[in-house]
Amino acid sequence: MIVKSKIADAQQIARSITRISHEIIERNKGAQNLCVIGIRTRGDFLANRVAGKISEIEKTSVPLGTLDITLYRDDVRQKLKLPELKRTEVPFDITDKHVILVDDVLYTGRTIRSAMDALIDIGRPNTIQLAVLVDRGHRELPISADYVGKNQPTSVKEAVVVHLSEVDGVDEILLVEESGS
């Protein structure tokens, strides 16, 4: 993997989280009836940041959950090894809520499709709104984000790598060229 450029640093990521949080509040006319659910692994850390920022702005707590979509992915059957299962933690009812689904990178749309299936198995939300840190294009399914930190057009030979301090010790977004391309 060859790093081509740094798309965003810690300060730019923090600004994106703040802007996305304000956009969510504005679109939903406040934080009442909202809940924020992150897709494991980096989406759940971003969801925590978004929920925290919304709570800080609105002076109210926002329910926060984590979604593991491993068994909902359409590519699990194609892999030979057993998938690593983590826990879905949504300790509240999402029925009739405005669910803010959070992920780090939006690419083909397949991860989001799997996440929507998982959410529908948990309850029947009023709306599912998607917030992503980076939209890199190349959709295979008709899915788009409601809230985007950064649009980053890429080639199919490139990838967007998000590092978050909770997992990687640093906040940054990198554009990389995949080796062997």
N, C-alpha and C. Protein backbone atom coordinates (compact mmCIF):
# COMPACT_ATOMS: atom_id res chain seq x y z
N MET A 1 0.86 -1.18 0.00
CA MET A 1 0.00 0.00 0.00
C MET A 1 0.90 1.24 0.00
N ILE A 2 0.70 2.10 -0.95
CA ILE A 2 1.50 3.32 -1.09
C ILE A 2 0.62 4.52 -0.78
N VAL A 3 1.05 5.34 0.20
CA VAL A 3 0.29 6.55 0.56
C VAL A 3 0.51 7.59 -0.53
N LYS A 4 -0.59 8.01 -1.16
CA LYS A 4 -0.51 9.03 -2.20
C LYS A 4 -0.66 10.43 -1.63
N SER A 5 -1.57 10.57 -0.65
CA SER A 5 -1.75 11.87 -0.01
C SER A 5 -2.54 11.73 1.27
N LYS A 6 -2.39 12.76 2.12
CA LYS A 6 -3.21 12.85 3.33
C LYS A 6 -4.41 13.70 2.98
N ILE A 7 -5.58 13.12 3.09
CA ILE A 7 -6.82 13.81 2.74
C ILE A 7 -7.25 14.74 3.87
N ALA A 8 -7.06 14.28 5.12
CA ALA A 8 -7.48 15.09 6.26
C ALA A 8 -6.64 14.74 7.48
N ASP A 9 -6.43 15.74 8.33
CA ASP A 9 -5.73 15.53 9.59
C ASP A 9 -6.76 15.58 10.73
N ALA A 10 -6.27 15.51 11.96
CA ALA A 10 -7.15 15.47 13.12
C ALA A 10 -8.08 16.68 13.20
N GLN A 11 -7.53 17.87 12.93
CA GLN A 11 -8.34 19.09 13.00
C GLN A 11 -9.44 19.09 11.94
N GLN A 12 -9.13 18.65 10.74
CA GLN A 12 -10.13 18.60 9.67
C GLN A 12 -11.21 17.56 9.97
N ILE A 13 -10.82 16.44 10.56
CA ILE A 13 -11.81 15.42 10.95
C ILE A 13 -12.73 15.98 12.02
N ALA A 14 -12.17 16.66 13.01
CA ALA A 14 -12.98 17.27 14.08
C ALA A 14 -13.97 18.28 13.51
N ARG A 15 -13.52 19.09 12.56
CA ARG A 15 -14.42 20.06 11.91
C ARG A 15 -15.54 19.35 11.17
N SER A 16 -15.22 18.27 10.49
CA SER A 16 -16.24 17.51 9.76
C SER A 16 -17.28 16.94 10.71
N ILE A 17 -16.84 16.41 11.84
CA ILE A 17 -17.76 15.87 12.85
C ILE A 17 -18.69 16.97 13.37
N THR A 18 -18.12 18.14 13.64
CA THR A 18 -18.92 19.27 14.12
C THR A 18 -19.95 19.69 13.07
N ARG A 19 -19.51 19.82 11.82
CA ARG A 19 -20.42 20.24 10.74
C ARG A 19 -21.53 19.21 10.54
N ILE A 20 -21.17 17.93 10.48
CA ILE A 20 -22.17 16.87 10.30
C ILE A 20 -23.17 16.91 11.45
N SER A 21 -22.70 17.10 12.67
CA SER A 21 -23.59 17.14 13.84
C SER A 21 -24.58 18.30 13.74
N HIS A 22 -24.09 19.47 13.34
CA HIS A 22 -24.99 20.62 13.15
C HIS A 22 -26.00 20.36 12.04
N GLU A 23 -25.58 19.74 10.96
CA GLU A 23 -26.49 19.43 9.86
C GLU A 23 -27.58 18.45 10.31
N ILE A 24 -27.20 17.47 11.12
CA ILE A 24 -28.18 16.50 11.64
C ILE A 24 -29.21 17.21 12.49
N ILE A 25 -28.75 18.07 13.38
CA ILE A 25 -29.66 18.82 14.26
C ILE A 25 -30.60 19.69 13.43
N GLU A 26 -30.04 20.39 12.46
CA GLU A 26 -30.86 21.28 11.63
C GLU A 26 -31.91 20.50 10.84
N ARG A 27 -31.51 19.43 10.20
CA ARG A 27 -32.45 18.66 9.37
C ARG A 27 -33.56 18.04 10.21
N ASN A 28 -33.21 17.62 11.44
CA ASN A 28 -34.19 16.93 12.29
C ASN A 28 -34.85 17.86 13.30
N LYS A 29 -34.60 19.16 13.17
CA LYS A 29 -35.20 20.18 14.03
C LYS A 29 -34.96 19.89 15.51
N GLY A 30 -33.69 19.56 15.81
CA GLY A 30 -33.31 19.26 17.19
C GLY A 30 -32.89 17.81 17.33
N ALA A 31 -32.68 17.42 18.59
CA ALA A 31 -32.17 16.07 18.86
C ALA A 31 -33.23 15.12 19.39
N GLN A 32 -34.44 15.64 19.64
CA GLN A 32 -35.47 14.76 20.15
C GLN A 32 -35.82 13.72 19.08
N ASN A 33 -36.03 12.50 19.50
CA ASN A 33 -36.39 11.37 18.64
C ASN A 33 -35.23 10.90 17.75
N LEU A 34 -34.01 11.35 18.05
CA LEU A 34 -32.82 10.89 17.32
C LEU A 34 -32.14 9.76 18.08
N CYS A 35 -31.47 8.89 17.34
CA CYS A 35 -30.50 7.97 17.92
C CYS A 35 -29.39 7.81 16.91
N VAL A 36 -28.20 7.52 17.38
CA VAL A 36 -27.02 7.41 16.53
C VAL A 36 -26.47 6.00 16.68
N ILE A 37 -26.27 5.33 15.53
CA ILE A 37 -25.77 3.96 15.54
C ILE A 37 -24.59 3.86 14.56
N GLY A 38 -23.46 3.39 15.07
CA GLY A 38 -22.27 3.26 14.26
C GLY A 38 -22.05 1.84 13.80
N ILE A 39 -21.51 1.70 12.59
CA ILE A 39 -21.17 0.39 12.05
C ILE A 39 -19.76 0.04 12.51
N ARG A 40 -19.61 -1.11 13.13
CA ARG A 40 -18.29 -1.56 13.57
C ARG A 40 -17.33 -1.61 12.40
N THR A 41 -16.10 -1.20 12.48
CA THR A 41 -15.36 -0.82 13.66
C THR A 41 -15.22 0.69 13.75
N ARG A 42 -14.81 1.34 12.71
CA ARG A 42 -14.56 2.77 12.86
C ARG A 42 -15.85 3.60 12.88
N GLY A 43 -16.90 3.10 12.30
CA GLY A 43 -18.17 3.81 12.34
C GLY A 43 -18.70 3.98 13.75
N ASP A 44 -18.44 3.00 14.62
CA ASP A 44 -18.94 3.15 15.99
C ASP A 44 -18.17 4.22 16.76
N PHE A 45 -16.88 4.38 16.49
CA PHE A 45 -16.13 5.46 17.14
C PHE A 45 -16.57 6.83 16.62
N LEU A 46 -16.82 6.90 15.32
CA LEU A 46 -17.33 8.15 14.74
C LEU A 46 -18.72 8.46 15.27
N ALA A 47 -19.56 7.43 15.42
CA ALA A 47 -20.91 7.62 15.96
C ALA A 47 -20.83 8.18 17.38
N ASN A 48 -19.89 7.69 18.16
CA ASN A 48 -19.70 8.18 19.52
C ASN A 48 -19.35 9.67 19.51
N ARG A 49 -18.50 10.07 18.57
CA ARG A 49 -18.12 11.48 18.45
C ARG A 49 -19.31 12.34 18.01
N VAL A 50 -20.07 11.86 17.05
CA VAL A 50 -21.24 12.60 16.55
C VAL A 50 -22.28 12.73 17.66
N ALA A 51 -22.60 11.63 18.33
CA ALA A 51 -23.59 11.67 19.41
C ALA A 51 -23.12 12.61 20.52
N GLY A 52 -21.84 12.58 20.83
CA GLY A 52 -21.30 13.48 21.86
C GLY A 52 -21.42 14.94 21.46
N LYS A 53 -21.13 15.23 20.20
CA LYS A 53 -21.21 16.62 19.72
C LYS A 53 -22.67 17.09 19.70
N ILE A 54 -23.59 16.24 19.24
CA ILE A 54 -25.01 16.60 19.25
C ILE A 54 -25.48 16.84 20.68
N SER A 55 -25.10 15.96 21.60
CA SER A 55 -25.47 16.12 23.01
C SER A 55 -24.93 17.42 23.59
N GLU A 56 -23.71 17.74 23.23
CA GLU A 56 -23.07 18.98 23.70
C GLU A 56 -23.82 20.21 23.16
N ILE A 57 -24.17 20.20 21.90
CA ILE A 57 -24.85 21.33 21.27
C ILE A 57 -26.28 21.49 21.81
N GLU A 58 -26.99 20.37 21.89
CA GLU A 58 -28.41 20.40 22.26
C GLU A 58 -28.66 20.27 23.76
N LYS A 59 -27.61 20.03 24.53
CA LYS A 59 -27.74 19.88 25.99
C LYS A 59 -28.71 18.77 26.37
N THR A 60 -28.62 17.65 25.66
CA THR A 60 -29.44 16.48 25.95
C THR A 60 -28.66 15.24 25.52
N SER A 61 -28.96 14.11 26.12
CA SER A 61 -28.24 12.89 25.72
C SER A 61 -28.94 12.27 24.50
N VAL A 62 -28.14 11.71 23.63
CA VAL A 62 -28.64 11.07 22.42
C VAL A 62 -28.31 9.58 22.53
N PRO A 63 -29.30 8.70 22.40
CA PRO A 63 -29.03 7.26 22.47
C PRO A 63 -27.98 6.85 21.42
N LEU A 64 -27.05 6.00 21.85
CA LEU A 64 -25.93 5.60 21.01
C LEU A 64 -25.85 4.08 20.97
N GLY A 65 -25.69 3.54 19.76
CA GLY A 65 -25.56 2.09 19.61
C GLY A 65 -24.49 1.72 18.62
N THR A 66 -24.20 0.42 18.57
CA THR A 66 -23.19 -0.13 17.67
C THR A 66 -23.78 -1.32 16.94
N LEU A 67 -23.51 -1.40 15.65
CA LEU A 67 -24.08 -2.43 14.79
C LEU A 67 -22.97 -3.28 14.20
N ASP A 68 -23.06 -4.60 14.39
CA ASP A 68 -22.16 -5.53 13.72
C ASP A 68 -22.95 -6.14 12.56
N ILE A 69 -22.46 -5.94 11.34
CA ILE A 69 -23.20 -6.39 10.16
C ILE A 69 -22.58 -7.63 9.52
N THR A 70 -21.65 -8.28 10.20
CA THR A 70 -20.90 -9.39 9.62
C THR A 70 -21.82 -10.42 8.96
N LEU A 71 -22.85 -10.87 9.66
CA LEU A 71 -23.72 -11.92 9.11
C LEU A 71 -24.68 -11.41 8.05
N TYR A 72 -24.77 -10.11 7.87
CA TYR A 72 -25.65 -9.53 6.86
C TYR A 72 -24.93 -9.26 5.54
N ARG A 73 -23.61 -9.35 5.55
CA ARG A 73 -22.83 -9.04 4.35
C ARG A 73 -23.05 -10.10 3.29
N ASP A 74 -23.16 -9.66 2.04
CA ASP A 74 -23.37 -10.61 0.95
C ASP A 74 -22.09 -11.31 0.51
N ASP A 75 -20.94 -10.84 1.02
CA ASP A 75 -19.67 -11.46 0.62
C ASP A 75 -19.14 -12.45 1.65
N VAL A 76 -19.86 -12.67 2.76
CA VAL A 76 -19.41 -13.61 3.79
C VAL A 76 -19.34 -15.02 3.21
N ARG A 77 -20.31 -15.39 2.40
CA ARG A 77 -20.35 -16.74 1.83
C ARG A 77 -19.18 -16.99 0.88
N GLN A 78 -18.61 -15.92 0.32
CA GLN A 78 -17.52 -16.07 -0.64
C GLN A 78 -16.17 -16.28 0.03
N LYS A 79 -16.07 -15.96 1.30
CA LYS A 79 -14.80 -16.09 2.02
C LYS A 79 -14.71 -17.48 2.62
N LEU A 80 -13.52 -18.04 2.63
CA LEU A 80 -13.33 -19.39 3.12
C LEU A 80 -13.29 -19.48 4.64
N LYS A 81 -12.67 -18.50 5.29
CA LYS A 81 -12.56 -18.57 6.75
C LYS A 81 -13.84 -18.08 7.42
N LEU A 82 -14.01 -18.48 8.66
CA LEU A 82 -15.18 -18.06 9.41
C LEU A 82 -15.07 -16.58 9.75
N PRO A 83 -16.17 -15.82 9.61
CA PRO A 83 -16.11 -14.40 9.93
C PRO A 83 -15.98 -14.19 11.43
N GLU A 84 -15.30 -13.09 11.79
CA GLU A 84 -15.18 -12.74 13.20
C GLU A 84 -16.42 -11.94 13.61
N LEU A 85 -17.19 -12.50 14.53
CA LEU A 85 -18.41 -11.85 14.97
C LEU A 85 -18.13 -10.97 16.18
N LYS A 86 -18.68 -9.77 16.15
CA LYS A 86 -18.61 -8.87 17.29
C LYS A 86 -20.05 -8.65 17.72
N ARG A 87 -20.25 -7.83 18.73
CA ARG A 87 -21.59 -7.65 19.25
C ARG A 87 -22.29 -6.43 18.70
N THR A 88 -23.56 -6.60 18.38
CA THR A 88 -24.43 -5.46 18.12
C THR A 88 -24.94 -5.00 19.47
N GLU A 89 -24.82 -3.71 19.74
CA GLU A 89 -25.27 -3.16 21.01
C GLU A 89 -26.18 -1.97 20.73
N VAL A 90 -27.48 -2.25 20.72
CA VAL A 90 -28.47 -1.19 20.56
C VAL A 90 -29.45 -1.36 21.73
N PRO A 91 -29.11 -0.77 22.87
CA PRO A 91 -29.89 -0.98 24.10
C PRO A 91 -31.12 -0.08 24.22
N PHE A 92 -31.75 0.23 23.10
CA PHE A 92 -32.93 1.08 23.10
C PHE A 92 -33.77 0.69 21.89
N ASP A 93 -35.04 1.07 21.93
CA ASP A 93 -35.96 0.78 20.83
C ASP A 93 -35.78 1.81 19.72
N ILE A 94 -35.56 1.34 18.50
CA ILE A 94 -35.38 2.27 17.37
C ILE A 94 -36.69 2.52 16.63
N THR A 95 -37.75 1.86 17.04
CA THR A 95 -39.04 2.03 16.38
C THR A 95 -39.48 3.49 16.45
N ASP A 96 -39.84 4.03 15.29
CA ASP A 96 -40.29 5.41 15.12
C ASP A 96 -39.23 6.47 15.41
N LYS A 97 -37.98 6.06 15.53
CA LYS A 97 -36.88 7.01 15.75
C LYS A 97 -36.27 7.43 14.42
N HIS A 98 -35.57 8.54 14.45
CA HIS A 98 -34.73 8.95 13.31
C HIS A 98 -33.35 8.39 13.61
N VAL A 99 -33.00 7.32 12.91
CA VAL A 99 -31.71 6.65 13.14
C VAL A 99 -30.66 7.31 12.27
N ILE A 100 -29.59 7.77 12.90
CA ILE A 100 -28.44 8.28 12.17
C ILE A 100 -27.43 7.14 12.13
N LEU A 101 -27.27 6.53 10.97
CA LEU A 101 -26.34 5.44 10.77
C LEU A 101 -25.00 6.04 10.37
N VAL A 102 -23.91 5.66 11.05
CA VAL A 102 -22.62 6.29 10.85
C VAL A 102 -21.59 5.25 10.40
N ASP A 103 -20.83 5.61 9.36
CA ASP A 103 -19.71 4.79 8.91
C ASP A 103 -18.56 5.69 8.49
N ASP A 104 -17.39 5.10 8.33
CA ASP A 104 -16.23 5.91 7.99
C ASP A 104 -16.17 6.23 6.49
N VAL A 105 -16.27 5.22 5.63
CA VAL A 105 -16.13 5.43 4.19
C VAL A 105 -17.32 4.81 3.45
N LEU A 106 -17.92 5.58 2.56
CA LEU A 106 -18.97 5.07 1.68
C LEU A 106 -18.33 4.78 0.33
N TYR A 107 -18.48 3.53 -0.12
CA TYR A 107 -17.86 3.10 -1.38
C TYR A 107 -18.93 2.49 -2.26
N THR A 108 -19.09 1.19 -2.28
CA THR A 108 -20.05 0.54 -3.18
C THR A 108 -21.49 0.65 -2.70
N GLY A 109 -21.68 0.82 -1.40
CA GLY A 109 -23.02 0.87 -0.83
C GLY A 109 -23.44 -0.45 -0.21
N ARG A 110 -22.67 -1.51 -0.42
CA ARG A 110 -23.04 -2.84 0.09
C ARG A 110 -23.01 -2.92 1.61
N THR A 111 -22.06 -2.26 2.25
CA THR A 111 -22.01 -2.25 3.71
C THR A 111 -23.26 -1.57 4.27
N ILE A 112 -23.64 -0.46 3.67
CA ILE A 112 -24.82 0.27 4.15
C ILE A 112 -26.08 -0.55 3.93
N ARG A 113 -26.18 -1.22 2.81
CA ARG A 113 -27.34 -2.09 2.54
C ARG A 113 -27.45 -3.16 3.61
N SER A 114 -26.31 -3.77 3.97
CA SER A 114 -26.29 -4.78 5.03
C SER A 114 -26.71 -4.17 6.37
N ALA A 115 -26.23 -2.97 6.65
CA ALA A 115 -26.57 -2.30 7.90
C ALA A 115 -28.07 -1.99 7.97
N MET A 116 -28.65 -1.58 6.86
CA MET A 116 -30.09 -1.29 6.84
C MET A 116 -30.89 -2.57 7.10
N ASP A 117 -30.46 -3.69 6.54
CA ASP A 117 -31.12 -4.97 6.83
C ASP A 117 -31.05 -5.30 8.31
N ALA A 118 -29.86 -5.10 8.90
CA ALA A 118 -29.68 -5.38 10.33
C ALA A 118 -30.58 -4.46 11.18
N LEU A 119 -30.67 -3.20 10.82
CA LEU A 119 -31.51 -2.26 11.57
C LEU A 119 -32.99 -2.66 11.51
N ILE A 120 -33.44 -3.05 10.34
CA ILE A 120 -34.85 -3.43 10.18
C ILE A 120 -35.17 -4.68 11.01
N ASP A 121 -34.19 -5.55 11.21
CA ASP A 121 -34.40 -6.71 12.08
C ASP A 121 -34.52 -6.31 13.54
N ILE A 122 -33.98 -5.15 13.92
CA ILE A 122 -34.03 -4.67 15.30
C ILE A 122 -35.33 -3.93 15.58
N GLY A 123 -35.83 -3.18 14.62
CA GLY A 123 -37.05 -2.39 14.81
C GLY A 123 -37.41 -1.68 13.52
N ARG A 124 -38.44 -0.85 13.61
CA ARG A 124 -38.89 -0.13 12.42
C ARG A 124 -38.72 1.37 12.64
N PRO A 125 -37.56 1.90 12.22
CA PRO A 125 -37.32 3.32 12.43
C PRO A 125 -38.19 4.19 11.53
N ASN A 126 -38.42 5.43 11.96
CA ASN A 126 -39.14 6.40 11.14
C ASN A 126 -38.32 6.71 9.89
N THR A 127 -37.01 7.02 10.10
CA THR A 127 -36.08 7.25 8.99
C THR A 127 -34.73 6.64 9.34
N ILE A 128 -33.98 6.31 8.31
CA ILE A 128 -32.57 5.96 8.46
C ILE A 128 -31.81 6.97 7.63
N GLN A 129 -30.97 7.75 8.30
CA GLN A 129 -30.16 8.77 7.64
C GLN A 129 -28.70 8.35 7.75
N LEU A 130 -27.96 8.51 6.68
CA LEU A 130 -26.58 8.05 6.64
C LEU A 130 -25.60 9.20 6.77
N ALA A 131 -24.66 9.06 7.71
CA ALA A 131 -23.57 10.02 7.88
C ALA A 131 -22.25 9.28 7.68
N VAL A 132 -21.41 9.79 6.78
CA VAL A 132 -20.10 9.18 6.52
C VAL A 132 -19.02 10.25 6.58
N LEU A 133 -17.85 9.82 6.99
CA LEU A 133 -16.72 10.74 7.03
C LEU A 133 -16.21 11.02 5.62
N VAL A 134 -16.17 9.98 4.76
CA VAL A 134 -15.67 10.13 3.40
C VAL A 134 -16.58 9.38 2.42
N ASP A 135 -16.96 10.05 1.34
CA ASP A 135 -17.67 9.40 0.23
C ASP A 135 -16.69 9.35 -0.93
N ARG A 136 -16.31 8.13 -1.33
CA ARG A 136 -15.30 7.99 -2.38
C ARG A 136 -15.88 7.60 -3.74
N GLY A 137 -17.21 7.51 -3.84
CA GLY A 137 -17.82 7.20 -5.13
C GLY A 137 -17.81 5.71 -5.43
N HIS A 138 -18.07 5.37 -6.69
CA HIS A 138 -18.07 3.98 -7.19
C HIS A 138 -19.22 3.14 -6.65
N ARG A 139 -20.40 3.71 -6.56
CA ARG A 139 -21.55 3.00 -6.02
C ARG A 139 -21.97 1.84 -6.91
N GLU A 140 -22.31 0.72 -6.29
CA GLU A 140 -22.88 -0.44 -6.97
C GLU A 140 -24.38 -0.56 -6.66
N LEU A 141 -24.81 0.13 -5.63
CA LEU A 141 -26.21 0.13 -5.21
C LEU A 141 -26.68 1.58 -5.12
N PRO A 142 -27.98 1.82 -5.29
CA PRO A 142 -28.48 3.21 -5.26
C PRO A 142 -28.60 3.75 -3.84
N ILE A 143 -27.45 4.00 -3.23
CA ILE A 143 -27.38 4.49 -1.85
C ILE A 143 -26.53 5.75 -1.84
N SER A 144 -27.01 6.77 -1.12
CA SER A 144 -26.22 7.99 -0.98
C SER A 144 -26.28 8.44 0.47
N ALA A 145 -25.27 9.19 0.87
CA ALA A 145 -25.20 9.68 2.24
C ALA A 145 -25.97 10.98 2.38
N ASP A 146 -26.60 11.15 3.53
CA ASP A 146 -27.30 12.39 3.86
C ASP A 146 -26.32 13.44 4.38
N TYR A 147 -25.26 12.97 5.04
CA TYR A 147 -24.28 13.86 5.65
C TYR A 147 -22.89 13.32 5.30
N VAL A 148 -22.05 14.16 4.70
CA VAL A 148 -20.73 13.74 4.24
C VAL A 148 -19.67 14.70 4.78
N GLY A 149 -18.64 14.14 5.39
CA GLY A 149 -17.53 14.96 5.84
C GLY A 149 -16.71 15.47 4.68
N LYS A 150 -16.39 14.57 3.74
CA LYS A 150 -15.57 14.94 2.59
C LYS A 150 -15.89 14.02 1.42
N ASN A 151 -16.12 14.61 0.26
CA ASN A 151 -16.23 13.84 -0.98
C ASN A 151 -14.83 13.71 -1.55
N GLN A 152 -14.40 12.49 -1.81
CA GLN A 152 -13.06 12.24 -2.32
C GLN A 152 -13.15 11.28 -3.51
N PRO A 153 -13.22 11.83 -4.73
CA PRO A 153 -13.24 10.94 -5.90
C PRO A 153 -11.97 10.09 -5.93
N THR A 154 -12.12 8.82 -6.26
CA THR A 154 -10.99 7.91 -6.31
C THR A 154 -11.07 7.06 -7.57
N SER A 155 -9.96 6.44 -7.90
CA SER A 155 -9.97 5.43 -8.95
C SER A 155 -10.20 4.08 -8.26
N VAL A 156 -10.52 3.06 -9.04
CA VAL A 156 -10.74 1.74 -8.45
C VAL A 156 -9.44 1.14 -7.92
N LYS A 157 -8.28 1.68 -8.34
CA LYS A 157 -6.98 1.20 -7.86
C LYS A 157 -6.58 1.87 -6.54
N GLU A 158 -7.35 2.87 -6.13
CA GLU A 158 -7.06 3.59 -4.91
C GLU A 158 -8.00 3.15 -3.79
N ALA A 159 -7.60 3.44 -2.57
CA ALA A 159 -8.44 3.19 -1.41
C ALA A 159 -8.33 4.38 -0.47
N VAL A 160 -9.34 4.54 0.36
CA VAL A 160 -9.33 5.56 1.39
C VAL A 160 -9.18 4.84 2.72
N VAL A 161 -8.17 5.22 3.48
CA VAL A 161 -7.89 4.61 4.78
C VAL A 161 -8.12 5.64 5.86
N VAL A 162 -9.01 5.31 6.78
CA VAL A 162 -9.31 6.19 7.91
C VAL A 162 -8.62 5.64 9.15
N HIS A 163 -7.82 6.46 9.78
CA HIS A 163 -7.20 6.13 11.06
C HIS A 163 -7.87 6.98 12.13
N LEU A 164 -8.29 6.35 13.20
CA LEU A 164 -8.89 7.06 14.32
C LEU A 164 -8.10 6.78 15.58
N SER A 165 -7.97 7.78 16.42
CA SER A 165 -7.14 7.67 17.62
C SER A 165 -7.58 6.51 18.52
N GLU A 166 -8.87 6.22 18.58
CA GLU A 166 -9.36 5.14 19.43
C GLU A 166 -8.81 3.78 19.02
N VAL A 167 -8.50 3.61 17.75
CA VAL A 167 -8.02 2.32 17.23
C VAL A 167 -6.56 2.40 16.80
N ASP A 168 -6.20 3.49 16.15
CA ASP A 168 -4.90 3.60 15.48
C ASP A 168 -3.94 4.57 16.15
N GLY A 169 -4.40 5.29 17.15
CA GLY A 169 -3.52 6.23 17.85
C GLY A 169 -3.38 7.58 17.17
N VAL A 170 -4.02 7.79 16.02
CA VAL A 170 -3.94 9.05 15.29
C VAL A 170 -5.23 9.24 14.50
N ASP A 171 -5.63 10.49 14.32
CA ASP A 171 -6.77 10.82 13.46
C ASP A 171 -6.23 11.33 12.13
N GLU A 172 -6.51 10.60 11.05
CA GLU A 172 -6.13 11.03 9.71
C GLU A 172 -6.87 10.21 8.68
N ILE A 173 -6.98 10.78 7.49
CA ILE A 173 -7.56 10.07 6.36
C ILE A 173 -6.52 10.10 5.24
N LEU A 174 -6.21 8.92 4.72
CA LEU A 174 -5.18 8.79 3.69
C LEU A 174 -5.78 8.25 2.40
N LEU A 175 -5.25 8.75 1.28
CA LEU A 175 -5.54 8.19 -0.02
C LEU A 175 -4.35 7.30 -0.36
N VAL A 176 -4.62 6.03 -0.60
CA VAL A 176 -3.53 5.08 -0.86
C VAL A 176 -3.76 4.37 -2.18
N GLU A 177 -2.67 3.90 -2.76
CA GLU A 177 -2.76 3.05 -3.93
C GLU A 177 -2.50 1.64 -3.45
N GLU A 178 -3.42 0.74 -3.77
CA GLU A 178 -3.28 -0.61 -3.31
C GLU A 178 -2.14 -1.29 -4.04
N SER A 179 -1.29 -1.99 -3.30
CA SER A 179 -0.15 -2.65 -3.91
C SER A 179 -0.61 -3.76 -4.85
N GLY A 180 0.16 -3.95 -5.91
CA GLY A 180 -0.21 -4.95 -6.91
C GLY A 180 -1.14 -4.41 -7.95
N SER A 181 -1.45 -3.12 -7.88
CA SER A 181 -2.37 -2.50 -8.85
C SER A 181 -1.62 -1.99 -10.04
